Amino acid sequence: MCNDYEQHILWAEYCKMMQRLELGMPTGQSEGDLPEADDIKINDVGPVMRAAGNGIELVPMNFSFPPSSPRGGPVFNFRSEGRSFANSNRCLIPASAFFEFTGKKYPKAKHRFTMNDEPFMAIAGIWREGQGGAPAAFTMLTTSPGPDVGPYHDRQIVVLSPHNWAHWIYLTKTEAELLQPSPAGTLHVETVRPGSD
């Protein structure tokens, strides 16, 4: 599943999208709140969009929840089907692309997914406050794969269309309506690294 994404979003594009969607932004936020990164991987810090007063704020958080048991690993993807998120802290993860990997030998082939017809995407997520001095953390929600992702993986992260961003943050539509596979043609894919034979 998705354990690596890219964040190269121009601040002007972000502001334009927020204005287009009529999602307010707190004063004092700037391009420093949306730092660029070629790869944000498990346990890296990335910006997350969450509700704040009358708008949406960008907040840096750790990518993955801590393990739930001593033998477990970090929780960076969270299955969405059949779950209620009404009592969860919902968020959006802004990304210019996400990556999936195929193959059995290292290095695996690396495939880059971007959103067609939009300058960037937002991935549905949930976040939690940190415990014992740890920073707040987020995880990405997953669902069955749409036709664009299916050839590369048997699951996909939930990429929300912009008109559904506020619906997810404020849960003004049901989870079943929002947390769906991406329709065919939503995502563009390119192989950015061939795998080993």
N, C-alpha and C. Protein backbone atom coordinates (compact mmCIF):
# COMPACT_ATOMS: atom_id res chain seq x y z
N MET A 1 0.84 -1.19 0.00
CA MET A 1 0.00 0.00 0.00
C MET A 1 0.87 1.24 0.00
N CYS A 2 0.22 2.36 -0.03
CA CYS A 2 0.94 3.62 -0.15
C CYS A 2 1.71 3.93 1.13
N ASN A 3 3.03 3.90 1.03
CA ASN A 3 3.89 4.27 2.15
C ASN A 3 4.85 5.38 1.75
N ASP A 4 4.55 6.06 0.62
CA ASP A 4 5.45 7.07 0.08
C ASP A 4 4.62 8.00 -0.82
N TYR A 5 4.71 9.29 -0.55
CA TYR A 5 4.03 10.25 -1.41
C TYR A 5 4.91 11.49 -1.57
N GLU A 6 4.51 12.33 -2.50
CA GLU A 6 5.29 13.51 -2.89
C GLU A 6 4.46 14.76 -2.63
N GLN A 7 5.14 15.83 -2.23
CA GLN A 7 4.42 17.07 -1.96
C GLN A 7 5.19 18.22 -2.60
N HIS A 8 4.79 18.55 -3.82
CA HIS A 8 5.32 19.71 -4.54
C HIS A 8 4.14 20.55 -5.02
N ILE A 9 3.50 21.22 -4.08
CA ILE A 9 2.31 22.01 -4.38
C ILE A 9 2.69 23.48 -4.25
N LEU A 10 2.45 24.23 -5.30
CA LEU A 10 2.71 25.67 -5.25
C LEU A 10 1.72 26.33 -4.31
N TRP A 11 2.20 27.24 -3.48
CA TRP A 11 1.33 27.93 -2.53
C TRP A 11 0.20 28.65 -3.24
N ALA A 12 0.50 29.27 -4.38
CA ALA A 12 -0.54 29.98 -5.14
C ALA A 12 -1.62 29.01 -5.61
N GLU A 13 -1.23 27.80 -6.03
CA GLU A 13 -2.23 26.81 -6.46
C GLU A 13 -3.08 26.35 -5.28
N TYR A 14 -2.44 26.17 -4.13
CA TYR A 14 -3.17 25.76 -2.93
C TYR A 14 -4.20 26.83 -2.56
N CYS A 15 -3.78 28.09 -2.52
CA CYS A 15 -4.69 29.19 -2.16
C CYS A 15 -5.84 29.30 -3.16
N LYS A 16 -5.51 29.15 -4.44
CA LYS A 16 -6.54 29.22 -5.49
C LYS A 16 -7.57 28.11 -5.31
N MET A 17 -7.10 26.90 -5.00
CA MET A 17 -8.02 25.77 -4.78
C MET A 17 -8.90 26.02 -3.57
N MET A 18 -8.32 26.51 -2.49
CA MET A 18 -9.11 26.77 -1.29
C MET A 18 -10.17 27.84 -1.55
N GLN A 19 -9.83 28.86 -2.35
CA GLN A 19 -10.81 29.89 -2.70
C GLN A 19 -11.90 29.32 -3.60
N ARG A 20 -11.50 28.51 -4.57
CA ARG A 20 -12.46 27.90 -5.49
C ARG A 20 -13.49 27.06 -4.74
N LEU A 21 -13.01 26.34 -3.72
CA LEU A 21 -13.89 25.45 -2.96
C LEU A 21 -14.57 26.16 -1.80
N GLU A 22 -14.25 27.45 -1.62
CA GLU A 22 -14.80 28.25 -0.52
C GLU A 22 -14.49 27.63 0.83
N LEU A 23 -13.27 27.15 0.96
CA LEU A 23 -12.78 26.62 2.23
C LEU A 23 -11.87 27.68 2.83
N GLY A 24 -12.28 28.25 3.93
CA GLY A 24 -11.51 29.33 4.54
C GLY A 24 -10.14 28.86 5.02
N MET A 25 -9.21 29.81 5.08
CA MET A 25 -7.86 29.53 5.57
C MET A 25 -7.56 30.49 6.71
N PRO A 26 -6.96 30.00 7.80
CA PRO A 26 -6.60 30.90 8.89
C PRO A 26 -5.57 31.93 8.43
N THR A 27 -5.64 33.12 8.97
CA THR A 27 -4.61 34.10 8.67
C THR A 27 -3.31 33.63 9.30
N GLY A 28 -2.23 34.03 8.69
CA GLY A 28 -0.93 33.66 9.24
C GLY A 28 -0.33 32.41 8.61
N GLN A 29 -1.10 31.69 7.81
CA GLN A 29 -0.54 30.52 7.13
C GLN A 29 0.16 30.99 5.86
N SER A 30 1.24 30.30 5.50
CA SER A 30 2.03 30.71 4.33
C SER A 30 2.63 29.48 3.68
N GLU A 31 3.42 29.71 2.64
CA GLU A 31 4.04 28.60 1.93
C GLU A 31 4.94 27.77 2.83
N GLY A 32 5.40 28.33 3.93
CA GLY A 32 6.19 27.56 4.89
C GLY A 32 5.40 26.44 5.55
N ASP A 33 4.07 26.54 5.51
CA ASP A 33 3.21 25.49 6.08
C ASP A 33 2.96 24.35 5.09
N LEU A 34 3.49 24.51 3.87
CA LEU A 34 3.31 23.50 2.83
C LEU A 34 4.67 23.19 2.20
N PRO A 35 5.62 22.69 3.01
CA PRO A 35 6.98 22.48 2.50
C PRO A 35 7.04 21.39 1.44
N GLU A 36 7.92 21.59 0.47
CA GLU A 36 8.07 20.63 -0.61
C GLU A 36 8.89 19.42 -0.14
N ALA A 37 8.55 18.26 -0.70
CA ALA A 37 9.28 17.03 -0.37
C ALA A 37 9.12 16.04 -1.52
N ASP A 38 10.24 15.45 -1.97
CA ASP A 38 10.19 14.44 -3.02
C ASP A 38 9.56 13.15 -2.52
N ASP A 39 9.83 12.80 -1.29
CA ASP A 39 9.33 11.56 -0.71
C ASP A 39 8.98 11.81 0.75
N ILE A 40 7.72 11.63 1.10
CA ILE A 40 7.29 11.61 2.50
C ILE A 40 6.95 10.16 2.78
N LYS A 41 7.74 9.56 3.65
CA LYS A 41 7.60 8.13 3.95
C LYS A 41 7.14 7.94 5.39
N ILE A 42 6.89 6.69 5.76
CA ILE A 42 6.44 6.35 7.10
C ILE A 42 7.37 7.00 8.13
N ASN A 43 6.76 7.65 9.12
CA ASN A 43 7.43 8.35 10.23
C ASN A 43 8.07 9.67 9.83
N ASP A 44 7.93 10.10 8.58
CA ASP A 44 8.32 11.46 8.20
C ASP A 44 7.20 12.41 8.60
N VAL A 45 7.50 13.69 8.65
CA VAL A 45 6.49 14.70 8.95
C VAL A 45 6.00 15.31 7.64
N GLY A 46 4.69 15.45 7.52
CA GLY A 46 4.09 16.07 6.35
C GLY A 46 2.93 16.95 6.77
N PRO A 47 2.54 17.92 5.92
CA PRO A 47 1.42 18.79 6.26
C PRO A 47 0.08 18.08 6.06
N VAL A 48 -0.83 18.36 6.96
CA VAL A 48 -2.17 17.78 6.93
C VAL A 48 -3.17 18.93 7.01
N MET A 49 -4.28 18.80 6.30
CA MET A 49 -5.36 19.79 6.33
C MET A 49 -6.44 19.30 7.29
N ARG A 50 -6.80 20.15 8.27
CA ARG A 50 -7.85 19.77 9.23
C ARG A 50 -8.72 20.97 9.55
N ALA A 51 -9.90 20.71 10.10
CA ALA A 51 -10.83 21.78 10.45
C ALA A 51 -10.24 22.64 11.55
N ALA A 52 -10.45 23.96 11.41
CA ALA A 52 -9.99 24.92 12.42
C ALA A 52 -10.90 26.13 12.37
N GLY A 53 -11.77 26.27 13.35
CA GLY A 53 -12.68 27.41 13.36
C GLY A 53 -13.55 27.41 12.13
N ASN A 54 -13.48 28.48 11.34
CA ASN A 54 -14.30 28.61 10.14
C ASN A 54 -13.61 28.11 8.89
N GLY A 55 -12.49 27.46 9.00
CA GLY A 55 -11.76 27.07 7.81
C GLY A 55 -10.94 25.81 7.99
N ILE A 56 -9.95 25.69 7.12
CA ILE A 56 -9.08 24.52 7.09
C ILE A 56 -7.65 25.01 7.32
N GLU A 57 -6.97 24.42 8.30
CA GLU A 57 -5.59 24.80 8.56
C GLU A 57 -4.63 23.68 8.16
N LEU A 58 -3.42 24.07 7.84
CA LEU A 58 -2.33 23.12 7.57
C LEU A 58 -1.53 22.94 8.85
N VAL A 59 -1.31 21.68 9.22
CA VAL A 59 -0.59 21.36 10.44
C VAL A 59 0.41 20.24 10.14
N PRO A 60 1.68 20.36 10.59
CA PRO A 60 2.63 19.27 10.38
C PRO A 60 2.33 18.11 11.34
N MET A 61 2.31 16.89 10.78
CA MET A 61 2.07 15.69 11.60
C MET A 61 2.95 14.55 11.10
N ASN A 62 3.11 13.57 11.97
CA ASN A 62 3.88 12.37 11.64
C ASN A 62 3.05 11.43 10.78
N PHE A 63 3.65 10.90 9.70
CA PHE A 63 2.95 9.96 8.82
C PHE A 63 3.03 8.57 9.42
N SER A 64 2.00 8.15 10.09
CA SER A 64 1.73 6.83 10.67
C SER A 64 1.47 6.94 12.15
N PHE A 65 0.50 6.14 12.58
CA PHE A 65 0.23 5.99 14.00
C PHE A 65 1.27 5.04 14.57
N PRO A 66 1.60 5.19 15.86
CA PRO A 66 2.53 4.24 16.47
C PRO A 66 1.92 2.83 16.48
N PRO A 67 2.76 1.80 16.58
CA PRO A 67 2.23 0.43 16.65
C PRO A 67 1.25 0.28 17.81
N SER A 68 0.21 -0.52 17.60
CA SER A 68 -0.77 -0.74 18.66
C SER A 68 -0.34 -1.83 19.64
N SER A 69 0.70 -2.58 19.26
CA SER A 69 1.24 -3.61 20.16
C SER A 69 2.76 -3.65 19.98
N PRO A 70 3.48 -4.21 20.95
CA PRO A 70 4.93 -4.25 20.86
C PRO A 70 5.44 -4.99 19.61
N ARG A 71 4.65 -5.91 19.10
CA ARG A 71 5.09 -6.70 17.94
C ARG A 71 4.58 -6.12 16.62
N GLY A 72 3.74 -5.09 16.70
CA GLY A 72 3.16 -4.51 15.50
C GLY A 72 4.04 -3.44 14.88
N GLY A 73 3.66 -3.06 13.68
CA GLY A 73 4.37 -1.99 12.98
C GLY A 73 3.55 -0.72 12.97
N PRO A 74 4.11 0.36 12.46
CA PRO A 74 3.36 1.61 12.39
C PRO A 74 2.15 1.46 11.47
N VAL A 75 1.08 2.18 11.79
CA VAL A 75 -0.16 2.12 11.02
C VAL A 75 -0.18 3.31 10.07
N PHE A 76 0.18 3.06 8.81
CA PHE A 76 0.23 4.15 7.84
C PHE A 76 -0.94 4.11 6.87
N ASN A 77 -1.60 2.97 6.75
CA ASN A 77 -2.82 2.82 5.95
C ASN A 77 -3.88 2.18 6.83
N PHE A 78 -5.14 2.61 6.66
CA PHE A 78 -6.23 2.17 7.52
C PHE A 78 -7.43 1.83 6.64
N ARG A 79 -7.88 0.58 6.71
CA ARG A 79 -8.99 0.10 5.88
C ARG A 79 -10.27 0.86 6.24
N SER A 80 -10.98 1.36 5.22
CA SER A 80 -12.14 2.22 5.47
C SER A 80 -13.48 1.49 5.42
N GLU A 81 -13.54 0.38 4.72
CA GLU A 81 -14.84 -0.25 4.47
C GLU A 81 -15.54 -0.67 5.76
N GLY A 82 -16.83 -0.35 5.81
CA GLY A 82 -17.67 -0.79 6.93
C GLY A 82 -17.42 -0.06 8.23
N ARG A 83 -16.69 1.03 8.20
CA ARG A 83 -16.36 1.74 9.44
C ARG A 83 -17.05 3.10 9.47
N SER A 84 -17.35 3.54 10.68
CA SER A 84 -17.84 4.90 10.89
C SER A 84 -16.68 5.76 11.36
N PHE A 85 -16.57 6.95 10.78
CA PHE A 85 -15.53 7.88 11.17
C PHE A 85 -16.13 9.14 11.79
N ALA A 86 -17.39 9.03 12.24
CA ALA A 86 -18.09 10.18 12.81
C ALA A 86 -17.37 10.70 14.06
N ASN A 87 -16.78 9.82 14.84
CA ASN A 87 -16.09 10.23 16.06
C ASN A 87 -14.58 10.31 15.89
N SER A 88 -14.11 10.27 14.65
CA SER A 88 -12.68 10.36 14.37
C SER A 88 -12.30 11.80 14.02
N ASN A 89 -11.04 12.11 14.17
CA ASN A 89 -10.50 13.38 13.69
C ASN A 89 -10.17 13.18 12.21
N ARG A 90 -10.97 13.76 11.34
CA ARG A 90 -10.79 13.57 9.90
C ARG A 90 -9.86 14.64 9.34
N CYS A 91 -9.09 14.26 8.32
CA CYS A 91 -8.16 15.21 7.71
C CYS A 91 -7.98 14.88 6.24
N LEU A 92 -7.31 15.79 5.56
CA LEU A 92 -6.92 15.61 4.17
C LEU A 92 -5.40 15.70 4.11
N ILE A 93 -4.81 14.82 3.31
CA ILE A 93 -3.36 14.85 3.12
C ILE A 93 -3.10 15.40 1.72
N PRO A 94 -2.59 16.64 1.62
CA PRO A 94 -2.33 17.20 0.30
C PRO A 94 -1.10 16.53 -0.32
N ALA A 95 -1.20 16.17 -1.58
CA ALA A 95 -0.09 15.50 -2.26
C ALA A 95 -0.10 15.85 -3.73
N SER A 96 1.09 15.96 -4.30
CA SER A 96 1.17 16.14 -5.74
C SER A 96 1.19 14.79 -6.44
N ALA A 97 1.59 13.73 -5.70
CA ALA A 97 1.62 12.37 -6.26
C ALA A 97 1.75 11.38 -5.12
N PHE A 98 1.35 10.13 -5.40
CA PHE A 98 1.65 9.03 -4.48
C PHE A 98 2.28 7.92 -5.29
N PHE A 99 2.95 7.01 -4.59
CA PHE A 99 3.72 5.96 -5.25
C PHE A 99 3.22 4.58 -4.84
N GLU A 100 3.23 3.66 -5.80
CA GLU A 100 3.02 2.24 -5.53
C GLU A 100 4.21 1.49 -6.11
N PHE A 101 4.47 0.33 -5.57
CA PHE A 101 5.64 -0.46 -5.95
C PHE A 101 5.20 -1.86 -6.38
N THR A 102 5.84 -2.38 -7.43
CA THR A 102 5.53 -3.73 -7.89
C THR A 102 6.81 -4.53 -8.03
N GLY A 103 6.67 -5.85 -7.95
CA GLY A 103 7.82 -6.74 -8.08
C GLY A 103 8.13 -7.41 -6.75
N LYS A 104 8.95 -8.44 -6.82
CA LYS A 104 9.30 -9.19 -5.62
C LYS A 104 10.73 -8.92 -5.16
N LYS A 105 11.59 -8.47 -6.08
CA LYS A 105 13.00 -8.22 -5.73
C LYS A 105 13.26 -6.73 -5.59
N TYR A 106 14.21 -6.41 -4.72
CA TYR A 106 14.62 -5.02 -4.54
C TYR A 106 15.69 -4.66 -5.56
N PRO A 107 15.65 -3.47 -6.18
CA PRO A 107 14.59 -2.48 -5.99
C PRO A 107 13.35 -2.81 -6.80
N LYS A 108 12.21 -2.62 -6.19
CA LYS A 108 10.95 -2.84 -6.88
C LYS A 108 10.69 -1.69 -7.85
N ALA A 109 9.85 -1.96 -8.85
CA ALA A 109 9.45 -0.90 -9.78
C ALA A 109 8.61 0.12 -9.00
N LYS A 110 8.85 1.41 -9.28
CA LYS A 110 8.17 2.50 -8.58
C LYS A 110 7.27 3.23 -9.58
N HIS A 111 5.99 3.33 -9.24
CA HIS A 111 4.99 3.93 -10.12
C HIS A 111 4.43 5.18 -9.45
N ARG A 112 4.41 6.28 -10.19
CA ARG A 112 3.97 7.58 -9.67
C ARG A 112 2.56 7.89 -10.20
N PHE A 113 1.63 8.15 -9.27
CA PHE A 113 0.24 8.47 -9.60
C PHE A 113 -0.03 9.94 -9.33
N THR A 114 -0.55 10.64 -10.32
CA THR A 114 -0.97 12.03 -10.17
C THR A 114 -2.44 12.13 -10.55
N MET A 115 -3.06 13.23 -10.17
CA MET A 115 -4.48 13.41 -10.46
C MET A 115 -4.63 14.14 -11.79
N ASN A 116 -5.42 13.58 -12.68
CA ASN A 116 -5.74 14.26 -13.94
C ASN A 116 -6.63 15.47 -13.67
N ASP A 117 -6.42 16.52 -14.41
CA ASP A 117 -7.29 17.70 -14.40
C ASP A 117 -7.28 18.52 -13.11
N GLU A 118 -6.36 18.24 -12.19
CA GLU A 118 -6.24 19.05 -10.98
C GLU A 118 -4.75 19.24 -10.68
N PRO A 119 -4.37 20.39 -10.08
CA PRO A 119 -2.95 20.63 -9.81
C PRO A 119 -2.39 19.76 -8.69
N PHE A 120 -3.25 19.28 -7.81
CA PHE A 120 -2.81 18.37 -6.73
C PHE A 120 -4.02 17.60 -6.22
N MET A 121 -3.77 16.66 -5.33
CA MET A 121 -4.84 15.83 -4.79
C MET A 121 -4.90 15.95 -3.28
N ALA A 122 -5.98 15.44 -2.71
CA ALA A 122 -6.11 15.30 -1.27
C ALA A 122 -6.56 13.88 -0.96
N ILE A 123 -5.83 13.24 -0.08
CA ILE A 123 -6.08 11.86 0.33
C ILE A 123 -6.85 11.89 1.64
N ALA A 124 -7.90 11.08 1.75
CA ALA A 124 -8.69 11.03 2.99
C ALA A 124 -7.85 10.38 4.09
N GLY A 125 -7.87 11.02 5.25
CA GLY A 125 -7.11 10.48 6.37
C GLY A 125 -7.80 10.74 7.69
N ILE A 126 -7.23 10.16 8.74
CA ILE A 126 -7.63 10.46 10.11
C ILE A 126 -6.36 10.78 10.89
N TRP A 127 -6.51 11.57 11.94
CA TRP A 127 -5.35 11.95 12.74
C TRP A 127 -5.65 11.79 14.23
N ARG A 128 -4.57 11.67 15.01
CA ARG A 128 -4.67 11.53 16.46
C ARG A 128 -3.63 12.42 17.13
N GLU A 129 -3.97 12.89 18.31
CA GLU A 129 -3.00 13.62 19.11
C GLU A 129 -1.89 12.66 19.53
N GLY A 130 -0.69 13.18 19.66
CA GLY A 130 0.43 12.36 20.12
C GLY A 130 0.33 12.06 21.61
N GLN A 131 0.93 10.97 22.03
CA GLN A 131 0.94 10.57 23.44
C GLN A 131 2.35 10.70 24.00
N GLY A 132 2.46 11.12 25.23
CA GLY A 132 3.76 11.16 25.90
C GLY A 132 4.78 12.04 25.21
N GLY A 133 4.35 13.19 24.73
CA GLY A 133 5.28 14.10 24.08
C GLY A 133 5.50 13.84 22.60
N ALA A 134 4.91 12.77 22.07
CA ALA A 134 5.02 12.47 20.63
C ALA A 134 4.15 13.44 19.85
N PRO A 135 4.54 13.75 18.60
CA PRO A 135 3.72 14.66 17.80
C PRO A 135 2.41 14.01 17.37
N ALA A 136 1.47 14.84 16.95
CA ALA A 136 0.24 14.33 16.35
C ALA A 136 0.62 13.51 15.12
N ALA A 137 -0.25 12.55 14.76
CA ALA A 137 0.07 11.64 13.66
C ALA A 137 -1.17 11.41 12.81
N PHE A 138 -0.94 11.00 11.56
CA PHE A 138 -2.04 10.73 10.64
C PHE A 138 -1.80 9.41 9.91
N THR A 139 -2.88 8.87 9.39
CA THR A 139 -2.83 7.69 8.54
C THR A 139 -3.78 7.90 7.37
N MET A 140 -3.49 7.21 6.26
CA MET A 140 -4.31 7.33 5.05
C MET A 140 -5.36 6.22 5.03
N LEU A 141 -6.56 6.56 4.57
CA LEU A 141 -7.61 5.56 4.46
C LEU A 141 -7.51 4.85 3.11
N THR A 142 -7.87 3.57 3.13
CA THR A 142 -7.78 2.75 1.92
C THR A 142 -9.14 2.14 1.58
N THR A 143 -9.24 1.71 0.33
CA THR A 143 -10.44 1.05 -0.16
C THR A 143 -10.01 0.07 -1.26
N SER A 144 -10.97 -0.58 -1.89
CA SER A 144 -10.63 -1.45 -3.02
C SER A 144 -10.10 -0.58 -4.16
N PRO A 145 -9.30 -1.15 -5.06
CA PRO A 145 -8.68 -0.32 -6.08
C PRO A 145 -9.63 0.02 -7.23
N GLY A 146 -9.49 1.23 -7.74
CA GLY A 146 -10.17 1.61 -8.96
C GLY A 146 -9.38 1.10 -10.16
N PRO A 147 -9.91 1.28 -11.37
CA PRO A 147 -9.25 0.75 -12.57
C PRO A 147 -7.86 1.32 -12.83
N ASP A 148 -7.57 2.53 -12.36
CA ASP A 148 -6.25 3.11 -12.58
C ASP A 148 -5.18 2.47 -11.69
N VAL A 149 -5.57 2.04 -10.49
CA VAL A 149 -4.63 1.49 -9.52
C VAL A 149 -4.61 -0.04 -9.56
N GLY A 150 -5.73 -0.65 -9.93
CA GLY A 150 -5.86 -2.11 -9.91
C GLY A 150 -4.72 -2.90 -10.53
N PRO A 151 -4.17 -2.48 -11.67
CA PRO A 151 -3.05 -3.24 -12.25
C PRO A 151 -1.77 -3.22 -11.41
N TYR A 152 -1.71 -2.32 -10.41
CA TYR A 152 -0.49 -2.15 -9.62
C TYR A 152 -0.63 -2.61 -8.18
N HIS A 153 -1.86 -2.62 -7.66
CA HIS A 153 -2.05 -3.01 -6.25
C HIS A 153 -3.49 -3.46 -6.03
N ASP A 154 -3.69 -4.33 -5.01
CA ASP A 154 -5.03 -4.83 -4.72
C ASP A 154 -5.81 -3.94 -3.74
N ARG A 155 -5.23 -2.81 -3.35
CA ARG A 155 -5.90 -1.79 -2.53
C ARG A 155 -5.47 -0.43 -3.06
N GLN A 156 -6.19 0.62 -2.70
CA GLN A 156 -5.75 1.97 -3.03
C GLN A 156 -6.11 2.92 -1.91
N ILE A 157 -5.34 4.00 -1.80
CA ILE A 157 -5.70 5.06 -0.87
C ILE A 157 -6.90 5.80 -1.45
N VAL A 158 -7.69 6.41 -0.57
CA VAL A 158 -8.88 7.14 -1.00
C VAL A 158 -8.47 8.54 -1.44
N VAL A 159 -8.55 8.80 -2.75
CA VAL A 159 -8.27 10.12 -3.30
C VAL A 159 -9.62 10.80 -3.50
N LEU A 160 -9.85 11.86 -2.75
CA LEU A 160 -11.13 12.55 -2.81
C LEU A 160 -11.13 13.59 -3.92
N SER A 161 -12.24 13.67 -4.65
CA SER A 161 -12.37 14.75 -5.63
C SER A 161 -12.53 16.05 -4.84
N PRO A 162 -12.04 17.17 -5.38
CA PRO A 162 -12.09 18.43 -4.62
C PRO A 162 -13.47 18.78 -4.08
N HIS A 163 -14.53 18.50 -4.83
CA HIS A 163 -15.87 18.86 -4.34
C HIS A 163 -16.27 18.06 -3.10
N ASN A 164 -15.50 17.01 -2.77
CA ASN A 164 -15.80 16.22 -1.58
C ASN A 164 -14.88 16.51 -0.40
N TRP A 165 -13.95 17.44 -0.56
CA TRP A 165 -13.02 17.71 0.55
C TRP A 165 -13.76 18.17 1.80
N ALA A 166 -14.62 19.16 1.66
CA ALA A 166 -15.36 19.66 2.83
C ALA A 166 -16.32 18.59 3.35
N HIS A 167 -16.90 17.81 2.45
CA HIS A 167 -17.81 16.74 2.90
C HIS A 167 -17.08 15.75 3.81
N TRP A 168 -15.79 15.47 3.52
CA TRP A 168 -15.04 14.56 4.38
C TRP A 168 -14.65 15.24 5.69
N ILE A 169 -14.13 16.44 5.63
CA ILE A 169 -13.71 17.14 6.85
C ILE A 169 -14.88 17.27 7.82
N TYR A 170 -16.05 17.66 7.31
CA TYR A 170 -17.20 17.91 8.18
C TYR A 170 -18.21 16.74 8.18
N LEU A 171 -17.90 15.70 7.44
CA LEU A 171 -18.74 14.50 7.31
C LEU A 171 -20.20 14.85 7.02
N THR A 172 -20.39 15.59 5.94
CA THR A 172 -21.73 15.98 5.51
C THR A 172 -22.27 15.05 4.43
N LYS A 173 -21.52 14.03 4.08
CA LYS A 173 -21.99 12.89 3.29
C LYS A 173 -21.58 11.64 4.06
N THR A 174 -22.17 10.51 3.71
CA THR A 174 -21.83 9.28 4.42
C THR A 174 -20.46 8.77 3.98
N GLU A 175 -19.86 7.96 4.84
CA GLU A 175 -18.59 7.33 4.52
C GLU A 175 -18.70 6.50 3.25
N ALA A 176 -19.83 5.80 3.09
CA ALA A 176 -20.02 4.96 1.91
C ALA A 176 -20.01 5.78 0.62
N GLU A 177 -20.52 7.00 0.67
CA GLU A 177 -20.51 7.88 -0.51
C GLU A 177 -19.11 8.43 -0.80
N LEU A 178 -18.35 8.70 0.24
CA LEU A 178 -17.08 9.40 0.09
C LEU A 178 -15.88 8.48 -0.14
N LEU A 179 -15.82 7.37 0.60
CA LEU A 179 -14.61 6.55 0.63
C LEU A 179 -14.68 5.46 -0.43
N GLN A 180 -14.60 5.90 -1.67
CA GLN A 180 -14.79 5.04 -2.84
C GLN A 180 -13.49 4.93 -3.65
N PRO A 181 -13.36 3.85 -4.46
CA PRO A 181 -12.24 3.79 -5.41
C PRO A 181 -12.34 4.93 -6.40
N SER A 182 -11.21 5.35 -6.92
CA SER A 182 -11.19 6.42 -7.92
C SER A 182 -11.75 5.89 -9.24
N PRO A 183 -12.68 6.63 -9.87
CA PRO A 183 -13.19 6.20 -11.18
C PRO A 183 -12.09 6.16 -12.23
N ALA A 184 -12.30 5.38 -13.26
CA ALA A 184 -11.33 5.26 -14.36
C ALA A 184 -11.00 6.63 -14.92
N GLY A 185 -9.74 6.87 -15.16
CA GLY A 185 -9.29 8.12 -15.74
C GLY A 185 -9.03 9.24 -14.75
N THR A 186 -9.26 8.98 -13.45
CA THR A 186 -9.00 9.99 -12.43
C THR A 186 -7.50 10.22 -12.25
N LEU A 187 -6.75 9.12 -12.34
CA LEU A 187 -5.32 9.18 -12.05
C LEU A 187 -4.48 8.87 -13.28
N HIS A 188 -3.36 9.56 -13.38
CA HIS A 188 -2.35 9.29 -14.41
C HIS A 188 -1.21 8.54 -13.73
N VAL A 189 -0.69 7.50 -14.39
CA VAL A 189 0.41 6.74 -13.80
C VAL A 189 1.59 6.71 -14.75
N GLU A 190 2.78 6.82 -14.19
CA GLU A 190 4.01 6.64 -14.95
C GLU A 190 4.99 5.85 -14.10
N THR A 191 5.76 5.00 -14.73
CA THR A 191 6.77 4.24 -14.02
C THR A 191 8.03 5.10 -13.95
N VAL A 192 8.44 5.43 -12.74
CA VAL A 192 9.58 6.33 -12.56
C VAL A 192 10.86 5.58 -12.21
N ARG A 193 10.73 4.29 -11.90
CA ARG A 193 11.90 3.46 -11.67
C ARG A 193 11.56 2.03 -12.06
N PRO A 194 12.31 1.45 -13.01
CA PRO A 194 12.04 0.05 -13.35
C PRO A 194 12.51 -0.86 -12.22
N GLY A 195 11.88 -2.00 -12.11
CA GLY A 195 12.28 -2.95 -11.08
C GLY A 195 13.43 -3.81 -11.53
N SER A 196 13.99 -4.57 -10.58
CA SER A 196 15.05 -5.50 -10.91
C SER A 196 14.45 -6.75 -11.52
N ASP A 197 15.22 -7.46 -12.30
CA ASP A 197 14.70 -8.68 -12.96
C ASP A 197 14.65 -9.84 -12.00
